[in-house]
Protein backbone atom coordinates (compact mmCIF):
# COMPACT_ATOMS: atom_id res chain seq x y z
CA UNK A 1 0.00 0.00 0.00
CA UNK A 2 1.31 3.46 -0.92
CA UNK A 3 0.65 6.53 1.17
CA UNK A 4 0.43 9.74 -0.85
CA UNK A 5 0.86 13.03 1.02
CA UNK A 6 -0.44 16.20 -0.64
CA UNK A 7 1.10 19.60 0.06
CA UNK A 8 -1.70 22.21 0.37
CA UNK A 9 0.83 24.99 -0.28
CA UNK A 10 1.23 23.99 -3.92
CA UNK A 11 -0.87 25.07 -6.87
CA UNK A 12 -2.25 22.65 -9.45
CA UNK A 13 0.87 23.36 -11.53
CA UNK A 14 3.08 22.15 -8.67
CA UNK A 15 4.46 25.57 -7.75
CA UNK A 16 4.54 26.59 -4.11
CA UNK A 17 2.04 29.30 -3.28
CA UNK A 18 3.31 32.40 -1.52
CA UNK A 19 1.52 34.06 1.36
CA UNK A 20 0.47 37.66 0.95
CA UNK A 21 2.61 40.10 2.92
CA UNK A 22 1.35 40.87 6.42
CA UNK A 23 -0.61 44.08 6.87
CA UNK A 24 1.20 46.69 8.91
CA UNK A 25 -2.10 47.64 10.58
CA UNK A 26 -5.81 46.85 10.40
CA UNK A 27 -6.73 50.49 10.95
CA UNK A 28 -8.88 51.61 8.02
CA UNK A 29 -8.78 48.15 6.45
CA UNK A 30 -11.54 46.20 4.72
CA UNK A 31 -11.89 42.67 6.10
CA UNK A 32 -13.72 39.90 4.26
CA UNK A 33 -15.44 37.16 6.24
CA UNK A 34 -16.53 33.88 4.64
CA UNK A 35 -19.11 32.07 6.73
CA UNK A 36 -19.09 28.30 6.14
CA UNK A 37 -22.85 28.05 6.86
CA UNK A 38 -22.51 26.11 10.11
CA UNK A 39 -24.69 27.09 13.03
CA UNK A 40 -22.13 29.00 15.15
CA UNK A 41 -20.19 30.88 12.48
CA UNK A 42 -22.40 33.97 12.24
CA UNK A 43 -22.26 34.51 16.01
CA UNK A 44 -18.48 33.98 16.03
CA UNK A 45 -18.03 36.50 13.22
CA UNK A 46 -20.29 39.03 15.01
CA UNK A 47 -17.96 38.79 18.00
CA UNK A 48 -14.79 39.06 15.90
CA UNK A 49 -16.21 42.01 13.95
CA UNK A 50 -16.99 43.87 17.17
CA UNK A 51 -13.42 43.39 18.41
CA UNK A 52 -11.85 44.37 15.09
CA UNK A 53 -13.97 47.54 14.85
CA UNK A 54 -13.37 48.69 18.44
CA UNK A 55 -9.79 47.64 19.09
CA UNK A 56 -8.24 47.63 15.61
CA UNK A 57 -10.37 50.30 13.86
CA UNK A 58 -11.27 48.17 10.85
CA UNK A 59 -13.28 50.39 8.50
CA UNK A 60 -15.48 47.93 6.65
CA UNK A 61 -16.48 44.26 6.48
CA UNK A 62 -17.53 42.18 3.50
CA UNK A 63 -19.48 39.24 4.92
CA UNK A 64 -20.71 36.37 2.77
CA UNK A 65 -22.20 32.99 3.64
CA UNK A 66 -21.43 29.86 1.62
CA UNK A 67 -24.46 27.89 0.34
CA UNK A 68 -23.42 25.04 2.64
CA UNK A 69 -20.37 23.78 4.52
CA UNK A 70 -19.65 20.85 2.22
CA UNK A 71 -18.85 22.86 -0.90
CA UNK A 72 -15.97 25.17 -1.77
CA UNK A 73 -16.46 28.92 -1.86
CA UNK A 74 -18.21 29.84 -5.13
CA UNK A 75 -15.99 31.77 -7.59
CA UNK A 76 -18.27 34.83 -7.55
CA UNK A 77 -17.99 35.00 -3.75
CA UNK A 78 -14.20 34.81 -3.98
CA UNK A 79 -14.30 37.62 -6.54
CA UNK A 80 -16.22 39.79 -4.05
CA UNK A 81 -13.48 39.16 -1.50
CA UNK A 82 -10.84 40.57 -3.85
CA UNK A 83 -11.71 44.04 -2.54
CA UNK A 84 -10.69 43.10 0.99
CA UNK A 85 -7.30 43.76 2.59
CA UNK A 86 -7.63 40.57 4.66
CA UNK A 87 -10.03 37.61 4.61
CA UNK A 88 -11.19 35.35 7.45
CA UNK A 89 -12.76 31.97 6.87
CA UNK A 90 -14.07 29.94 9.76
CA UNK A 91 -15.91 26.89 10.98
CA UNK A 92 -18.68 27.56 13.44
CA UNK A 93 -18.97 24.18 15.14
């Protein structure tokens, strides 16, 4: 039996993906939030949004909810997130 290990940091072409550079500050930033459609995610994101607004002065949030937790994020939803400076994705279990 052969065990095959996949590296999630690589693209389909086999090239390693690079992380975006870290933001110097969240002040004035736009943060995207992708809700995975599980029961606790919306409440979790409400809490995180409150903290980011008050303590880190985030200017705006783009919040979207996936159709359900078993599917990947739809391409049009990812396109909407392209206007964000940072994106959070979470499981609400």
